[in-house]
């Protein structure tokens, strides 16, 4: 068993190094795509940003899984560990944006659903509780998310509907 492991180690190590080199290039391409078309571009509507967040979240999750695999391989072979700080930052940023846009989409869908309720079926206590829950969730979002247009649109939607006399 040990002999077999020693025999395949050089080829697996070389394959890992080749894959890491390709991965670095793929990450650089992803960073460019993110800067040119990501969810934080100025001028996007909240819905457009939300859609872009979902797309880039999927891409970054796939890249991050590969990063973890290559990271483990570098440790296994005693190689210097390659850092990907930009990938980690984008992953963190997208995770935060996911919280904002998840809440934003839930609020829009819920409020839109209110308009479909027949007046005889309106449960004002339930609506008030849902709106209070949304206001609390909105206040609990990290301060860094408050600079995004979706935050203002979210807050305005909640506040406007809360002030509505139904």
Protein backbone atom coordinates (compact mmCIF):
# COMPACT_ATOMS: atom_id res chain seq x y z
CA UNK A 1 0.00 0.00 0.00
CA UNK A 2 2.76 2.48 0.97
CA UNK A 3 4.71 1.59 -2.16
CA UNK A 4 1.66 2.26 -4.29
CA UNK A 5 1.09 5.65 -2.61
CA UNK A 6 4.71 6.64 -3.15
CA UNK A 7 4.43 5.62 -6.79
CA UNK A 8 1.39 7.78 -7.56
CA UNK A 9 2.36 10.78 -5.41
CA UNK A 10 4.45 12.63 -8.05
CA UNK A 11 1.73 12.44 -10.70
CA UNK A 12 -1.02 13.48 -8.27
CA UNK A 13 1.11 16.34 -6.97
CA UNK A 14 1.80 17.52 -10.52
CA UNK A 15 -1.93 17.24 -11.36
CA UNK A 16 -2.78 19.31 -8.26
CA UNK A 17 -0.29 22.01 -9.20
CA UNK A 18 -1.70 22.13 -12.76
CA UNK A 19 -5.25 22.35 -11.42
CA UNK A 20 -4.33 25.16 -9.02
CA UNK A 21 -2.74 27.12 -11.84
CA UNK A 22 -5.94 26.74 -13.92
CA UNK A 23 -8.03 27.62 -10.88
CA UNK A 24 -6.09 30.85 -10.34
CA UNK A 25 -6.88 31.83 -13.93
CA UNK A 26 -10.58 30.94 -13.51
CA UNK A 27 -10.76 33.01 -10.33
CA UNK A 28 -9.17 35.98 -12.08
CA UNK A 29 -11.80 35.70 -14.84
CA UNK A 30 -14.54 35.48 -12.20
CA UNK A 31 -13.23 38.61 -10.47
CA UNK A 32 -13.34 40.50 -13.77
CA UNK A 33 -16.87 39.27 -14.50
CA UNK A 34 -17.96 40.21 -10.98
CA UNK A 35 -16.53 43.72 -11.25
CA UNK A 36 -18.12 44.29 -14.67
CA UNK A 37 -21.49 42.60 -14.08
CA UNK A 38 -21.96 41.88 -10.39
CA UNK A 39 -24.87 42.81 -8.15
CA UNK A 40 -23.13 45.87 -6.69
CA UNK A 41 -22.95 47.81 -9.96
CA UNK A 42 -24.39 51.29 -9.65
CA UNK A 43 -27.65 51.95 -11.45
CA UNK A 44 -29.14 48.48 -11.11
CA UNK A 45 -32.67 48.11 -9.84
CA UNK A 46 -33.01 46.03 -6.68
CA UNK A 47 -34.60 43.22 -8.70
CA UNK A 48 -31.71 43.22 -11.21
CA UNK A 49 -29.20 43.18 -8.34
CA UNK A 50 -31.08 40.32 -6.72
CA UNK A 51 -30.98 38.30 -9.93
CA UNK A 52 -27.25 38.97 -10.36
CA UNK A 53 -26.62 38.06 -6.72
CA UNK A 54 -28.23 34.66 -7.25
CA UNK A 55 -26.14 33.98 -10.37
CA UNK A 56 -22.85 35.07 -8.81
CA UNK A 57 -23.65 33.28 -5.54
CA UNK A 58 -23.90 30.01 -7.43
CA UNK A 59 -20.61 30.66 -9.24
CA UNK A 60 -18.74 31.63 -6.07
CA UNK A 61 -20.04 28.56 -4.22
CA UNK A 62 -18.71 26.31 -6.99
CA UNK A 63 -15.35 28.07 -6.98
CA UNK A 64 -15.15 27.94 -3.20
CA UNK A 65 -15.76 24.18 -3.13
CA UNK A 66 -12.86 23.74 -5.52
CA UNK A 67 -10.74 26.12 -3.43
CA UNK A 68 -11.36 23.95 -0.36
CA UNK A 69 -10.38 20.82 -2.30
CA UNK A 70 -7.15 22.37 -3.61
CA UNK A 71 -6.39 23.84 -0.20
CA UNK A 72 -6.65 20.37 1.32
CA UNK A 73 -4.42 18.97 -1.42
CA UNK A 74 -1.76 21.60 -0.77
CA UNK A 75 -1.76 20.70 2.91
CA UNK A 76 -1.67 16.99 2.13
CA UNK A 77 1.37 17.35 -0.12
CA UNK A 78 3.09 19.88 2.16
CA UNK A 79 2.94 22.60 -0.48
CA UNK A 80 2.67 26.31 0.28
CA UNK A 81 -1.00 27.19 0.65
CA UNK A 82 -2.37 29.47 -2.06
CA UNK A 83 -4.57 32.20 -0.65
CA UNK A 84 -7.57 33.59 -2.46
CA UNK A 85 -8.52 36.66 -0.40
CA UNK A 86 -10.60 38.21 -3.18
CA UNK A 87 -12.62 35.01 -3.59
CA UNK A 88 -13.23 34.91 0.15
CA UNK A 89 -14.26 38.59 0.21
CA UNK A 90 -16.68 38.17 -2.69
CA UNK A 91 -18.14 35.06 -1.04
CA UNK A 92 -18.68 37.00 2.20
CA UNK A 93 -20.18 39.99 0.35
CA UNK A 94 -22.56 37.76 -1.63
CA UNK A 95 -23.65 35.97 1.53
CA UNK A 96 -24.54 39.34 3.08
CA UNK A 97 -26.33 40.42 -0.09
CA UNK A 98 -28.23 37.14 -0.03
CA UNK A 99 -29.70 38.17 3.33
CA UNK A 100 -30.77 41.55 1.96
CA UNK A 101 -32.24 40.28 -1.29
CA UNK A 102 -33.86 37.27 0.37
CA UNK A 103 -35.71 39.62 2.72
CA UNK A 104 -36.41 42.07 -0.12
CA UNK A 105 -37.99 39.36 -2.29
CA UNK A 106 -40.03 37.94 0.63
CA UNK A 107 -41.39 41.40 1.44
CA UNK A 108 -42.32 42.14 -2.18
CA UNK A 109 -44.00 38.76 -2.60
CA UNK A 110 -45.87 39.06 0.70
CA UNK A 111 -47.05 42.62 0.07
CA UNK A 112 -48.11 41.72 -3.47
CA UNK A 113 -50.11 38.84 -1.99
CA UNK A 114 -51.95 41.25 0.29
CA UNK A 115 -53.54 42.88 -2.73
CA UNK A 116 -55.01 39.54 -3.78
CA UNK A 117 -56.86 39.03 -0.48
CA UNK A 118 -60.58 39.71 -0.58
CA UNK A 119 -61.55 42.47 1.86
CA UNK A 120 -63.78 40.06 3.75
CA UNK A 121 -60.81 37.74 4.31
CA UNK A 122 -58.32 40.38 5.50
CA UNK A 123 -56.71 39.47 8.80
CA UNK A 124 -55.22 42.77 9.96
CA UNK A 125 -53.56 41.25 13.01
CA UNK A 126 -51.69 38.75 10.84
CA UNK A 127 -50.67 41.47 8.36
CA UNK A 128 -49.50 43.78 11.15
CA UNK A 129 -47.45 40.97 12.69
CA UNK A 130 -45.84 40.10 9.36
CA UNK A 131 -44.98 43.75 8.74
CA UNK A 132 -43.55 44.09 12.26
CA UNK A 133 -41.46 40.97 11.64
CA UNK A 134 -40.20 42.44 8.36
CA UNK A 135 -39.35 45.75 10.08
CA UNK A 136 -37.39 43.86 12.75
CA UNK A 137 -35.54 41.79 10.13
CA UNK A 138 -34.77 44.97 8.20
CA UNK A 139 -33.32 46.66 11.30
CA UNK A 140 -31.19 43.58 12.02
CA UNK A 141 -29.46 43.67 8.64
CA UNK A 142 -25.77 44.60 8.89
CA UNK A 143 -25.03 48.31 8.56
CA UNK A 144 -22.95 47.72 5.42
CA UNK A 145 -26.09 46.64 3.54
CA UNK A 146 -27.85 49.91 4.25
CA UNK A 147 -26.03 51.64 1.40
CA UNK A 148 -27.68 49.48 -1.27
CA UNK A 149 -30.74 50.70 -3.19
CA UNK A 150 -32.54 47.46 -2.30
CA UNK A 151 -32.32 48.36 1.38
CA UNK A 152 -34.04 51.70 0.78
CA UNK A 153 -36.65 50.10 -1.48
CA UNK A 154 -37.22 47.38 1.12
CA UNK A 155 -37.58 49.86 3.96
CA UNK A 156 -39.86 52.10 1.90
CA UNK A 157 -42.10 49.18 0.90
CA UNK A 158 -42.45 48.05 4.51
CA UNK A 159 -43.00 51.57 5.83
CA UNK A 160 -45.46 52.53 3.09
CA UNK A 161 -47.55 49.44 3.59
CA UNK A 162 -47.40 49.80 7.38
CA UNK A 163 -48.79 53.34 7.08
CA UNK A 164 -51.56 52.17 4.75
CA UNK A 165 -55.05 52.23 6.25
CA UNK A 166 -56.64 48.99 5.19
